[in-house]
Amino acid sequence: MQALTKFMDNSESLRISDSDMEIIYAIGLNEYPTATEFVVAFSYRYSKSASGVWYALKKLKKGGIVDFTEKGEGQKPLGLTEKGMQVLRSEMTTIAPKQQARQLVNAKSSKMVIYG
């Protein structure tokens, strides 16, 4: 059973699973400019289904956490919104050190952006 994080803002309450948080954290590393590149790399790196990663990305976009180009939209790079950065900041202190270490070891770049 996955633990859920409840993130509150002025407009609504969001429930973010541990796997959603992994995606948010990985997007925060700014390694991939497009959602397609991200899905391919993330699903391969963490042995997740590509369709599951797409589903999570679309859910996070609908919740205002991430932004990326979908069919029929103008070009936008994959990235966290201001709300997404708030979620990342609030969760950085609670992400398990083992998970952080695993993600950093697997990261292509040694650059990590810490907001806040």
PDB file of N, CA and C in Angstrom:
ATOM      1  N   MET A   1       0.837  -1.175   0.000  1.00  0.00           N
ATOM      2  CA  MET A   1       0.000   0.000   0.000  1.00  0.00           C
ATOM      3  C   MET A   1       0.886   1.244   0.000  1.00  0.00           C
ATOM      4  N   GLN A   2       0.617   2.149  -0.915  1.00  0.00           N
ATOM      5  CA  GLN A   2       1.425   3.348  -1.014  1.00  0.00           C
ATOM      6  C   GLN A   2       0.915   4.429  -0.074  1.00  0.00           C
ATOM      7  N   ALA A   3       1.860   5.135   0.499  1.00  0.00           N
ATOM      8  CA  ALA A   3       1.503   6.277   1.327  1.00  0.00           C
ATOM      9  C   ALA A   3       1.124   7.436   0.415  1.00  0.00           C
ATOM     10  N   LEU A   4       0.172   8.216   0.820  1.00  0.00           N
ATOM     11  CA  LEU A   4      -0.238   9.373   0.035  1.00  0.00           C
ATOM     12  C   LEU A   4       0.105  10.639   0.785  1.00  0.00           C
ATOM     13  N   THR A   5       0.529  11.614   0.044  1.00  0.00           N
ATOM     14  CA  THR A   5       0.818  12.925   0.591  1.00  0.00           C
ATOM     15  C   THR A   5      -0.345  13.821   0.239  1.00  0.00           C
ATOM     16  N   LYS A   6      -0.799  14.596   1.171  1.00  0.00           N
ATOM     17  CA  LYS A   6      -1.874  15.541   0.899  1.00  0.00           C
ATOM     18  C   LYS A   6      -1.263  16.923   0.831  1.00  0.00           C
ATOM     19  N   PHE A   7      -1.425  17.569  -0.303  1.00  0.00           N
ATOM     20  CA  PHE A   7      -0.890  18.908  -0.494  1.00  0.00           C
ATOM     21  C   PHE A   7      -2.061  19.863  -0.599  1.00  0.00           C
ATOM     22  N   MET A   8      -2.075  20.877   0.225  1.00  0.00           N
ATOM     23  CA  MET A   8      -3.183  21.837   0.250  1.00  0.00           C
ATOM     24  C   MET A   8      -2.708  23.170  -0.301  1.00  0.00           C
ATOM     25  N   ASP A   9      -3.539  23.779  -1.098  1.00  0.00           N
ATOM     26  CA  ASP A   9      -3.313  25.162  -1.483  1.00  0.00           C
ATOM     27  C   ASP A   9      -4.667  25.861  -1.396  1.00  0.00           C
ATOM     28  N   ASN A  10      -4.743  27.071  -1.869  1.00  0.00           N
ATOM     29  CA  ASN A  10      -5.976  27.831  -1.740  1.00  0.00           C
ATOM     30  C   ASN A  10      -7.135  27.258  -2.548  1.00  0.00           C
ATOM     31  N   SER A  11      -6.843  26.555  -3.638  1.00  0.00           N
ATOM     32  CA  SER A  11      -7.904  26.124  -4.530  1.00  0.00           C
ATOM     33  C   SER A  11      -8.399  24.708  -4.285  1.00  0.00           C
ATOM     34  N   GLU A  12      -7.527  23.801  -3.891  1.00  0.00           N
ATOM     35  CA  GLU A  12      -7.940  22.407  -3.789  1.00  0.00           C
ATOM     36  C   GLU A  12      -6.944  21.589  -2.990  1.00  0.00           C
ATOM     37  N   SER A  13      -7.321  20.358  -2.737  1.00  0.00           N
ATOM     38  CA  SER A  13      -6.464  19.405  -2.051  1.00  0.00           C
ATOM     39  C   SER A  13      -6.032  18.356  -3.072  1.00  0.00           C
ATOM     40  N   LEU A  14      -4.748  18.069  -3.147  1.00  0.00           N
ATOM     41  CA  LEU A  14      -4.218  17.083  -4.078  1.00  0.00           C
ATOM     42  C   LEU A  14      -3.693  15.894  -3.301  1.00  0.00           C
ATOM     43  N   ARG A  15      -3.900  14.719  -3.825  1.00  0.00           N
ATOM     44  CA  ARG A  15      -3.314  13.521  -3.236  1.00  0.00           C
ATOM     45  C   ARG A  15      -2.223  13.035  -4.177  1.00  0.00           C
ATOM     46  N   ILE A  16      -1.017  12.970  -3.666  1.00  0.00           N
ATOM     47  CA  ILE A  16       0.142  12.610  -4.467  1.00  0.00           C
ATOM     48  C   ILE A  16       0.745  11.340  -3.888  1.00  0.00           C
ATOM     49  N   SER A  17       0.815  10.290  -4.710  1.00  0.00           N
ATOM     50  CA  SER A  17       1.379   9.019  -4.250  1.00  0.00           C
ATOM     51  C   SER A  17       2.900   9.093  -4.238  1.00  0.00           C
ATOM     52  N   ASP A  18       3.523   8.079  -3.664  1.00  0.00           N
ATOM     53  CA  ASP A  18       4.986   8.012  -3.645  1.00  0.00           C
ATOM     54  C   ASP A  18       5.542   7.981  -5.068  1.00  0.00           C
ATOM     55  N   SER A  19       4.878   7.238  -5.960  1.00  0.00           N
ATOM     56  CA  SER A  19       5.374   7.181  -7.339  1.00  0.00           C
ATOM     57  C   SER A  19       5.193   8.521  -8.046  1.00  0.00           C
ATOM     58  N   ASP A  20       4.115   9.251  -7.725  1.00  0.00           N
ATOM     59  CA  ASP A  20       3.949  10.607  -8.264  1.00  0.00           C
ATOM     60  C   ASP A  20       5.081  11.509  -7.773  1.00  0.00           C
ATOM     61  N   MET A  21       5.446  11.344  -6.511  1.00  0.00           N
ATOM     62  CA  MET A  21       6.509  12.165  -5.944  1.00  0.00           C
ATOM     63  C   MET A  21       7.850  11.852  -6.598  1.00  0.00           C
ATOM     64  N   GLU A  22       8.082  10.586  -6.946  1.00  0.00           N
ATOM     65  CA  GLU A  22       9.302  10.233  -7.668  1.00  0.00           C
ATOM     66  C   GLU A  22       9.355  10.951  -9.010  1.00  0.00           C
ATOM     67  N   ILE A  23       8.220  11.031  -9.684  1.00  0.00           N
ATOM     68  CA  ILE A  23       8.147  11.715 -10.980  1.00  0.00           C
ATOM     69  C   ILE A  23       8.395  13.206 -10.794  1.00  0.00           C
ATOM     70  N   ILE A  24       7.778  13.798  -9.805  1.00  0.00           N
ATOM     71  CA  ILE A  24       7.973  15.232  -9.535  1.00  0.00           C
ATOM     72  C   ILE A  24       9.448  15.512  -9.250  1.00  0.00           C
ATOM     73  N   TYR A  25      10.049  14.677  -8.435  1.00  0.00           N
ATOM     74  CA  TYR A  25      11.469  14.842  -8.099  1.00  0.00           C
ATOM     75  C   TYR A  25      12.333  14.716  -9.351  1.00  0.00           C
ATOM     76  N   ALA A  26      12.055  13.715 -10.174  1.00  0.00           N
ATOM     77  CA  ALA A  26      12.840  13.503 -11.400  1.00  0.00           C
ATOM     78  C   ALA A  26      12.676  14.667 -12.378  1.00  0.00           C
ATOM     79  N   ILE A  27      11.480  15.209 -12.484  1.00  0.00           N
ATOM     80  CA  ILE A  27      11.266  16.368 -13.354  1.00  0.00           C
ATOM     81  C   ILE A  27      12.041  17.567 -12.814  1.00  0.00           C
ATOM     82  N   GLY A  28      12.114  17.687 -11.500  1.00  0.00           N
ATOM     83  CA  GLY A  28      12.862  18.769 -10.871  1.00  0.00           C
ATOM     84  C   GLY A  28      14.349  18.745 -11.189  1.00  0.00           C
ATOM     85  N   LEU A  29      14.874  17.593 -11.615  1.00  0.00           N
ATOM     86  CA  LEU A  29      16.282  17.501 -11.999  1.00  0.00           C
ATOM     87  C   LEU A  29      16.552  18.156 -13.356  1.00  0.00           C
ATOM     88  N   ASN A  30      15.497  18.454 -14.102  1.00  0.00           N
ATOM     89  CA  ASN A  30      15.598  19.148 -15.400  1.00  0.00           C
ATOM     90  C   ASN A  30      16.511  18.442 -16.388  1.00  0.00           C
ATOM     91  N   GLU A  31      16.419  17.126 -16.486  1.00  0.00           N
ATOM     92  CA  GLU A  31      17.265  16.381 -17.414  1.00  0.00           C
ATOM     93  C   GLU A  31      16.682  16.263 -18.809  1.00  0.00           C
ATOM     94  N   TYR A  32      15.367  16.277 -18.923  1.00  0.00           N
ATOM     95  CA  TYR A  32      14.725  16.013 -20.205  1.00  0.00           C
ATOM     96  C   TYR A  32      13.815  17.167 -20.591  1.00  0.00           C
ATOM     97  N   PRO A  33      13.983  17.694 -21.802  1.00  0.00           N
ATOM     98  CA  PRO A  33      13.201  18.863 -22.220  1.00  0.00           C
ATOM     99  C   PRO A  33      11.763  18.537 -22.618  1.00  0.00           C
ATOM    100  N   THR A  34      11.491  17.296 -23.016  1.00  0.00           N
ATOM    101  CA  THR A  34      10.126  16.970 -23.446  1.00  0.00           C
ATOM    102  C   THR A  34       9.556  15.839 -22.606  1.00  0.00           C
ATOM    103  N   ALA A  35       8.237  15.783 -22.572  1.00  0.00           N
ATOM    104  CA  ALA A  35       7.559  14.735 -21.818  1.00  0.00           C
ATOM    105  C   ALA A  35       7.850  13.362 -22.414  1.00  0.00           C
ATOM    106  N   THR A  36       7.917  13.282 -23.733  1.00  0.00           N
ATOM    107  CA  THR A  36       8.187  11.994 -24.387  1.00  0.00           C
ATOM    108  C   THR A  36       9.555  11.453 -23.988  1.00  0.00           C
ATOM    109  N   GLU A  37      10.566  12.281 -24.034  1.00  0.00           N
ATOM    110  CA  GLU A  37      11.908  11.853 -23.624  1.00  0.00           C
ATOM    111  C   GLU A  37      11.906  11.426 -22.154  1.00  0.00           C
ATOM    112  N   PHE A  38      11.209  12.193 -21.331  1.00  0.00           N
ATOM    113  CA  PHE A  38      11.146  11.877 -19.906  1.00  0.00           C
ATOM    114  C   PHE A  38      10.495  10.522 -19.673  1.00  0.00           C
ATOM    115  N   VAL A  39       9.351  10.274 -20.323  1.00  0.00           N
ATOM    116  CA  VAL A  39       8.627   9.017 -20.125  1.00  0.00           C
ATOM    117  C   VAL A  39       9.481   7.825 -20.531  1.00  0.00           C
ATOM    118  N   VAL A  40      10.145   7.919 -21.671  1.00  0.00           N
ATOM    119  CA  VAL A  40      10.992   6.821 -22.133  1.00  0.00           C
ATOM    120  C   VAL A  40      12.107   6.553 -21.128  1.00  0.00           C
ATOM    121  N   ALA A  41      12.811   7.592 -20.720  1.00  0.00           N
ATOM    122  CA  ALA A  41      13.942   7.433 -19.798  1.00  0.00           C
ATOM    123  C   ALA A  41      13.481   6.977 -18.414  1.00  0.00           C
ATOM    124  N   PHE A  42      12.441   7.598 -17.881  1.00  0.00           N
ATOM    125  CA  PHE A  42      11.969   7.270 -16.531  1.00  0.00           C
ATOM    126  C   PHE A  42      11.445   5.841 -16.472  1.00  0.00           C
ATOM    127  N   SER A  43      10.655   5.453 -17.468  1.00  0.00           N
ATOM    128  CA  SER A  43      10.093   4.102 -17.456  1.00  0.00           C
ATOM    129  C   SER A  43      11.194   3.046 -17.583  1.00  0.00           C
ATOM    130  N   TYR A  44      12.215   3.333 -18.378  1.00  0.00           N
ATOM    131  CA  TYR A  44      13.339   2.401 -18.507  1.00  0.00           C
ATOM    132  C   TYR A  44      14.164   2.350 -17.222  1.00  0.00           C
ATOM    133  N   ARG A  45      14.507   3.516 -16.698  1.00  0.00           N
ATOM    134  CA  ARG A  45      15.382   3.611 -15.530  1.00  0.00           C
ATOM    135  C   ARG A  45      14.768   2.981 -14.289  1.00  0.00           C
ATOM    136  N   TYR A  46      13.462   3.148 -14.102  1.00  0.00           N
ATOM    137  CA  TYR A  46      12.818   2.661 -12.877  1.00  0.00           C
ATOM    138  C   TYR A  46      11.892   1.477 -13.107  1.00  0.00           C
ATOM    139  N   SER A  47      11.970   0.859 -14.286  1.00  0.00           N
ATOM    140  CA  SER A  47      11.160  -0.318 -14.624  1.00  0.00           C
ATOM    141  C   SER A  47       9.672  -0.082 -14.382  1.00  0.00           C
ATOM    142  N   LYS A  48       9.190   1.053 -14.864  1.00  0.00           N
ATOM    143  CA  LYS A  48       7.771   1.404 -14.779  1.00  0.00           C
ATOM    144  C   LYS A  48       7.196   1.330 -16.190  1.00  0.00           C
ATOM    145  N   SER A  49       5.913   1.068 -16.300  1.00  0.00           N
ATOM    146  CA  SER A  49       5.308   1.045 -17.628  1.00  0.00           C
ATOM    147  C   SER A  49       5.199   2.472 -18.163  1.00  0.00           C
ATOM    148  N   ALA A  50       5.450   2.631 -19.448  1.00  0.00           N
ATOM    149  CA  ALA A  50       5.368   3.956 -20.070  1.00  0.00           C
ATOM    150  C   ALA A  50       3.953   4.510 -19.959  1.00  0.00           C
ATOM    151  N   SER A  51       2.954   3.643 -20.117  1.00  0.00           N
ATOM    152  CA  SER A  51       1.573   4.131 -20.030  1.00  0.00           C
ATOM    153  C   SER A  51       1.251   4.617 -18.620  1.00  0.00           C
ATOM    154  N   GLY A  52       1.811   3.962 -17.607  1.00  0.00           N
ATOM    155  CA  GLY A  52       1.608   4.404 -16.229  1.00  0.00           C
ATOM    156  C   GLY A  52       2.260   5.749 -15.954  1.00  0.00           C
ATOM    157  N   VAL A  53       3.441   5.961 -16.541  1.00  0.00           N
ATOM    158  CA  VAL A  53       4.128   7.238 -16.369  1.00  0.00           C
ATOM    159  C   VAL A  53       3.351   8.343 -17.087  1.00  0.00           C
ATOM    160  N   TRP A  54       2.851   8.048 -18.312  1.00  0.00           N
ATOM    161  CA  TRP A  54       2.030   9.035 -19.027  1.00  0.00           C
ATOM    162  C   TRP A  54       0.779   9.384 -18.224  1.00  0.00           C
ATOM    163  N   TYR A  55       0.136   8.360 -17.655  1.00  0.00           N
ATOM    164  CA  TYR A  55      -1.071   8.597 -16.858  1.00  0.00           C
ATOM    165  C   TYR A  55      -0.753   9.523 -15.683  1.00  0.00           C
ATOM    166  N   ALA A  56       0.350   9.249 -14.996  1.00  0.00           N
ATOM    167  CA  ALA A  56       0.737  10.069 -13.848  1.00  0.00           C
ATOM    168  C   ALA A  56       1.056  11.496 -14.285  1.00  0.00           C
ATOM    169  N   LEU A  57       1.770  11.656 -15.410  1.00  0.00           N
ATOM    170  CA  LEU A  57       2.090  12.997 -15.903  1.00  0.00           C
ATOM    171  C   LEU A  57       0.821  13.786 -16.213  1.00  0.00           C
ATOM    172  N   LYS A  58      -0.130  13.138 -16.869  1.00  0.00           N
ATOM    173  CA  LYS A  58      -1.379  13.835 -17.217  1.00  0.00           C
ATOM    174  C   LYS A  58      -2.170  14.205 -15.964  1.00  0.00           C
ATOM    175  N   LYS A  59      -2.154  13.319 -14.971  1.00  0.00           N
ATOM    176  CA  LYS A  59      -2.820  13.617 -13.692  1.00  0.00           C
ATOM    177  C   LYS A  59      -2.154  14.813 -13.015  1.00  0.00           C
ATOM    178  N   LEU A  60      -0.816  14.830 -13.015  1.00  0.00           N
ATOM    179  CA  LEU A  60      -0.087  15.932 -12.392  1.00  0.00           C
ATOM    180  C   LEU A  60      -0.282  17.236 -13.169  1.00  0.00           C
ATOM    181  N   LYS A  61      -0.404  17.144 -14.489  1.00  0.00           N
ATOM    182  CA  LYS A  61      -0.670  18.348 -15.280  1.00  0.00           C
ATOM    183  C   LYS A  61      -2.058  18.890 -14.967  1.00  0.00           C
ATOM    184  N   LYS A  62      -3.036  17.996 -14.890  1.00  0.00           N
ATOM    185  CA  LYS A  62      -4.406  18.418 -14.567  1.00  0.00           C
ATOM    186  C   LYS A  62      -4.459  19.059 -13.175  1.00  0.00           C
ATOM    187  N   GLY A  63      -3.624  18.580 -12.266  1.00  0.00           N
ATOM    188  CA  GLY A  63      -3.566  19.140 -10.916  1.00  0.00           C
ATOM    189  C   GLY A  63      -2.723  20.402 -10.813  1.00  0.00           C
ATOM    190  N   GLY A  64      -2.121  20.812 -11.944  1.00  0.00           N
ATOM    191  CA  GLY A  64      -1.339  22.044 -11.939  1.00  0.00           C
ATOM    192  C   GLY A  64       0.065  21.897 -11.372  1.00  0.00           C
ATOM    193  N   ILE A  65       0.573  20.673 -11.311  1.00  0.00           N
ATOM    194  CA  ILE A  65       1.892  20.417 -10.742  1.00  0.00           C
ATOM    195  C   ILE A  65       2.985  20.496 -11.804  1.00  0.00           C
ATOM    196  N   VAL A  66       2.710  19.955 -12.991  1.00  0.00           N
ATOM    197  CA  VAL A  66       3.681  19.973 -14.090  1.00  0.00           C
ATOM    198  C   VAL A  66       3.046  20.601 -15.315  1.00  0.00           C
ATOM    199  N   ASP A  67       3.892  20.989 -16.250  1.00  0.00           N
ATOM    200  CA  ASP A  67       3.411  21.522 -17.518  1.00  0.00           C
ATOM    201  C   ASP A  67       4.257  20.945 -18.636  1.00  0.00           C
ATOM    202  N   PHE A  68       3.599  20.574 -19.721  1.00  0.00           N
ATOM    203  CA  PHE A  68       4.279  20.046 -20.900  1.00  0.00           C
ATOM    204  C   PHE A  68       3.336  20.152 -22.088  1.00  0.00           C
ATOM    205  N   THR A  69       3.884  19.955 -23.275  1.00  0.00           N
ATOM    206  CA  THR A  69       3.111  20.059 -24.499  1.00  0.00           C
ATOM    207  C   THR A  69       2.312  18.783 -24.733  1.00  0.00           C
ATOM    208  N   GLU A  70       1.030  18.950 -24.992  1.00  0.00           N
ATOM    209  CA  GLU A  70       0.195  17.841 -25.421  1.00  0.00           C
ATOM    210  C   GLU A  70      -0.270  18.132 -26.839  1.00  0.00           C
ATOM    211  N   LYS A  71      -0.839  17.150 -27.453  1.00  0.00           N
ATOM    212  CA  LYS A  71      -1.295  17.286 -28.837  1.00  0.00           C
ATOM    213  C   LYS A  71      -2.185  18.514 -28.992  1.00  0.00           C
ATOM    214  N   GLY A  72      -1.862  19.324 -29.987  1.00  0.00           N
ATOM    215  CA  GLY A  72      -2.660  20.511 -30.271  1.00  0.00           C
ATOM    216  C   GLY A  72      -2.260  21.761 -29.509  1.00  0.00           C
ATOM    217  N   GLU A  73      -1.286  21.665 -28.627  1.00  0.00           N
ATOM    218  CA  GLU A  73      -0.828  22.825 -27.862  1.00  0.00           C
ATOM    219  C   GLU A  73       0.459  23.369 -28.466  1.00  0.00           C
ATOM    220  N   GLY A  74       0.788  24.604 -28.122  1.00  0.00           N
ATOM    221  CA  GLY A  74       2.065  25.180 -28.530  1.00  0.00           C
ATOM    222  C   GLY A  74       3.205  24.495 -27.800  1.00  0.00           C
ATOM    223  N   GLN A  75       4.403  24.696 -28.283  1.00  0.00           N
ATOM    224  CA  GLN A  75       5.579  24.056 -27.687  1.00  0.00           C
ATOM    225  C   GLN A  75       5.871  24.600 -26.288  1.00  0.00           C
ATOM    226  N   LYS A  76       5.966  23.698 -25.327  1.00  0.00           N
ATOM    227  CA  LYS A  76       6.336  24.024 -23.951  1.00  0.00           C
ATOM    228  C   LYS A  76       7.284  22.941 -23.459  1.00  0.00           C
ATOM    229  N   PRO A  77       8.345  23.298 -22.794  1.00  0.00           N
ATOM    230  CA  PRO A  77       9.220  22.268 -22.233  1.00  0.00           C
ATOM    231  C   PRO A  77       8.565  21.613 -21.015  1.00  0.00           C
ATOM    232  N   LEU A  78       8.979  20.404 -20.716  1.00  0.00           N
ATOM    233  CA  LEU A  78       8.516  19.718 -19.515  1.00  0.00           C
ATOM    234  C   LEU A  78       9.109  20.415 -18.303  1.00  0.00           C
ATOM    235  N   GLY A  79       8.290  20.735 -17.338  1.00  0.00           N
ATOM    236  CA  GLY A  79       8.800  21.378 -16.134  1.00  0.00           C
ATOM    237  C   GLY A  79       7.754  21.448 -15.044  1.00  0.00           C
ATOM    238  N   LEU A  80       8.210  21.800 -13.871  1.00  0.00           N
ATOM    239  CA  LEU A  80       7.316  21.986 -12.730  1.00  0.00           C
ATOM    240  C   LEU A  80       6.718  23.386 -12.782  1.00  0.00           C
ATOM    241  N   THR A  81       5.470  23.488 -12.408  1.00  0.00           N
ATOM    242  CA  THR A  81       4.838  24.793 -12.260  1.00  0.00           C
ATOM    243  C   THR A  81       5.225  25.351 -10.896  1.00  0.00           C
ATOM    244  N   GLU A  82       4.767  26.547 -10.591  1.00  0.00           N
ATOM    245  CA  GLU A  82       5.035  27.113  -9.264  1.00  0.00           C
ATOM    246  C   GLU A  82       4.456  26.212  -8.176  1.00  0.00           C
ATOM    247  N   LYS A  83       3.272  25.691  -8.409  1.00  0.00           N
ATOM    248  CA  LYS A  83       2.658  24.772  -7.447  1.00  0.00           C
ATOM    249  C   LYS A  83       3.506  23.503  -7.320  1.00  0.00           C
ATOM    250  N   GLY A  84       4.029  23.017  -8.442  1.00  0.00           N
ATOM    251  CA  GLY A  84       4.894  21.842  -8.424  1.00  0.00           C
ATOM    252  C   GLY A  84       6.165  22.078  -7.632  1.00  0.00           C
ATOM    253  N   MET A  85       6.724  23.269  -7.760  1.00  0.00           N
ATOM    254  CA  MET A  85       7.926  23.600  -6.987  1.00  0.00           C
ATOM    255  C   MET A  85       7.605  23.658  -5.497  1.00  0.00           C
ATOM    256  N   GLN A  86       6.417  24.133  -5.144  1.00  0.00           N
ATOM    257  CA  GLN A  86       6.011  24.154  -3.738  1.00  0.00           C
ATOM    258  C   GLN A  86       5.904  22.734  -3.190  1.00  0.00           C
ATOM    259  N   VAL A  87       5.316  21.833  -3.982  1.00  0.00           N
ATOM    260  CA  VAL A  87       5.200  20.435  -3.563  1.00  0.00           C
ATOM    261  C   VAL A  87       6.585  19.835  -3.377  1.00  0.00           C
ATOM    262  N   LEU A  88       7.469  20.079  -4.336  1.00  0.00           N
ATOM    263  CA  LEU A  88       8.829  19.550  -4.249  1.00  0.00           C
ATOM    264  C   LEU A  88       9.538  20.075  -3.008  1.00  0.00           C
ATOM    265  N   ARG A  89       9.437  21.369  -2.765  1.00  0.00           N
ATOM    266  CA  ARG A  89      10.068  21.956  -1.573  1.00  0.00           C
ATOM    267  C   ARG A  89       9.517  21.339  -0.297  1.00  0.00           C
ATOM    268  N   SER A  90       8.209  21.164  -0.233  1.00  0.00           N
ATOM    269  CA  SER A  90       7.596  20.646   0.990  1.00  0.00           C
ATOM    270  C   SER A  90       7.948  19.187   1.233  1.00  0.00           C
ATOM    271  N   GLU A  91       8.228  18.444   0.171  1.00  0.00           N
ATOM    272  CA  GLU A  91       8.526  17.021   0.319  1.00  0.00           C
ATOM    273  C   GLU A  91      10.012  16.702   0.398  1.00  0.00           C
ATOM    274  N   MET A  92      10.883  17.657   0.070  1.00  0.00           N
ATOM    275  CA  MET A  92      12.322  17.381   0.072  1.00  0.00           C
ATOM    276  C   MET A  92      12.812  16.901   1.431  1.00  0.00           C
ATOM    277  N   THR A  93      12.207  17.347   2.487  1.00  0.00           N
ATOM    278  CA  THR A  93      12.661  16.942   3.819  1.00  0.00           C
ATOM    279  C   THR A  93      12.130  15.575   4.221  1.00  0.00           C
ATOM    280  N   THR A  94      11.116  15.060   3.501  1.00  0.00           N
ATOM    281  CA  THR A  94      10.539  13.774   3.892  1.00  0.00           C
ATOM    282  C   THR A  94      10.857  12.638   2.937  1.00  0.00           C
ATOM    283  N   ILE A  95      11.505  12.921   1.808  1.00  0.00           N
ATOM    284  CA  ILE A  95      11.887  11.851   0.886  1.00  0.00           C
ATOM    285  C   ILE A  95      12.981  11.026   1.557  1.00  0.00           C
ATOM    286  N   ALA A  96      12.813   9.724   1.526  1.00  0.00           N
ATOM    287  CA  ALA A  96      13.775   8.833   2.178  1.00  0.00           C
ATOM    288  C   ALA A  96      15.164   9.018   1.584  1.00  0.00           C
ATOM    289  N   PRO A  97      16.199   9.100   2.430  1.00  0.00           N
ATOM    290  CA  PRO A  97      17.563   9.267   1.918  1.00  0.00           C
ATOM    291  C   PRO A  97      17.962   8.183   0.917  1.00  0.00           C
ATOM    292  N   LYS A  98      17.488   6.954   1.120  1.00  0.00           N
ATOM    293  CA  LYS A  98      17.816   5.875   0.193  1.00  0.00           C
ATOM    294  C   LYS A  98      17.256   6.179  -1.200  1.00  0.00           C
ATOM    295  N   GLN A  99      16.044   6.683  -1.254  1.00  0.00           N
ATOM    296  CA  GLN A  99      15.415   7.022  -2.526  1.00  0.00           C
ATOM    297  C   GLN A  99      16.179   8.150  -3.212  1.00  0.00           C
ATOM    298  N   GLN A 100      16.565   9.167  -2.454  1.00  0.00           N
ATOM    299  CA  GLN A 100      17.341  10.269  -3.019  1.00  0.00           C
ATOM    300  C   GLN A 100      18.659   9.756  -3.578  1.00  0.00           C
ATOM    301  N   ALA A 101      19.339   8.917  -2.827  1.00  0.00           N
ATOM    302  CA  ALA A 101      20.625   8.394  -3.275  1.00  0.00           C
ATOM    303  C   ALA A 101      20.466   7.595  -4.558  1.00  0.00           C
ATOM    304  N   ARG A 102      19.421   6.767  -4.628  1.00  0.00           N
ATOM    305  CA  ARG A 102      19.179   5.959  -5.827  1.00  0.00           C
ATOM    306  C   ARG A 102      18.930   6.853  -7.028  1.00  0.00           C
ATOM    307  N   GLN A 103      18.137   7.889  -6.853  1.00  0.00           N
ATOM    308  CA  GLN A 103      17.828   8.781  -7.968  1.00  0.00           C
ATOM    309  C   GLN A 103      19.053   9.575  -8.399  1.00  0.00           C
ATOM    310  N   LEU A 104      19.861  10.010  -7.463  1.00  0.00           N
ATOM    311  CA  LEU A 104      21.051  10.768  -7.818  1.00  0.00           C
ATOM    312  C   LEU A 104      22.090   9.899  -8.524  1.00  0.00           C
ATOM    313  N   VAL A 105      22.229   8.655  -8.084  1.00  0.00           N
ATOM    314  CA  VAL A 105      23.176   7.751  -8.730  1.00  0.00           C
ATOM    315  C   VAL A 105      22.742   7.489 -10.166  1.00  0.00           C
ATOM    316  N   ASN A 106      21.434   7.358 -10.384  1.00  0.00           N
ATOM    317  CA  ASN A 106      20.920   7.067 -11.715  1.00  0.00           C
ATOM    318  C   ASN A 106      20.806   8.294 -12.598  1.00  0.00           C
ATOM    319  N   ALA A 107      20.944   9.467 -12.041  1.00  0.00           N
ATOM    320  CA  ALA A 107      20.784  10.701 -12.818  1.00  0.00           C
ATOM    321  C   ALA A 107      21.915  10.831 -13.839  1.00  0.00           C
ATOM    322  N   LYS A 108      21.584  11.338 -15.002  1.00  0.00           N
ATOM    323  CA  LYS A 108      22.595  11.543 -16.048  1.00  0.00           C
ATOM    324  C   LYS A 108      23.586  12.622 -15.637  1.00  0.00           C
ATOM    325  N   SER A 109      23.082  13.651 -14.988  1.00  0.00           N
ATOM    326  CA  SER A 109      23.895  14.800 -14.650  1.00  0.00           C
ATOM    327  C   SER A 109      24.108  14.865 -13.154  1.00  0.00           C
ATOM    328  N   SER A 110      25.253  15.366 -12.750  1.00  0.00           N
ATOM    329  CA  SER A 110      25.490  15.526 -11.319  1.00  0.00           C
ATOM    330  C   SER A 110      24.902  16.823 -10.811  1.00  0.00           C
ATOM    331  N   LYS A 111      24.328  17.634 -11.713  1.00  0.00           N
ATOM    332  CA  LYS A 111      23.707  18.896 -11.305  1.00  0.00           C
ATOM    333  C   LYS A 111      22.339  18.601 -10.706  1.00  0.00           C
ATOM    334  N   MET A 112      22.067  19.172  -9.575  1.00  0.00           N
ATOM    335  CA  MET A 112      20.762  19.040  -8.959  1.00  0.00           C
ATOM    336  C   MET A 112      20.335  20.415  -8.513  1.00  0.00           C
ATOM    337  N   VAL A 113      19.138  20.791  -8.881  1.00  0.00           N
ATOM    338  CA  VAL A 113      18.622  22.096  -8.521  1.00  0.00           C
ATOM    339  C   VAL A 113      17.800  21.940  -7.270  1.00  0.00           C
ATOM    340  N   ILE A 114      18.135  22.669  -6.227  1.00  0.00           N
ATOM    341  CA  ILE A 114      17.360  22.656  -4.997  1.00  0.00           C
ATOM    342  C   ILE A 114      16.699  24.016  -4.889  1.00  0.00           C
ATOM    343  N   TYR A 115      15.392  23.997  -4.810  1.00  0.00           N
ATOM    344  CA  TYR A 115      14.629  25.225  -4.699  1.00  0.00           C
ATOM    345  C   TYR A 115      14.388  25.533  -3.233  1.00  0.00           C
ATOM    346  N   GLY A 116      14.475  26.806  -2.886  1.00  0.00           N
ATOM    347  CA  GLY A 116      14.149  27.205  -1.532  1.00  0.00           C
ATOM    348  C   GLY A 116      15.312  27.558  -0.807  1.00  0.00           C
TER     349      GLY A 116
END
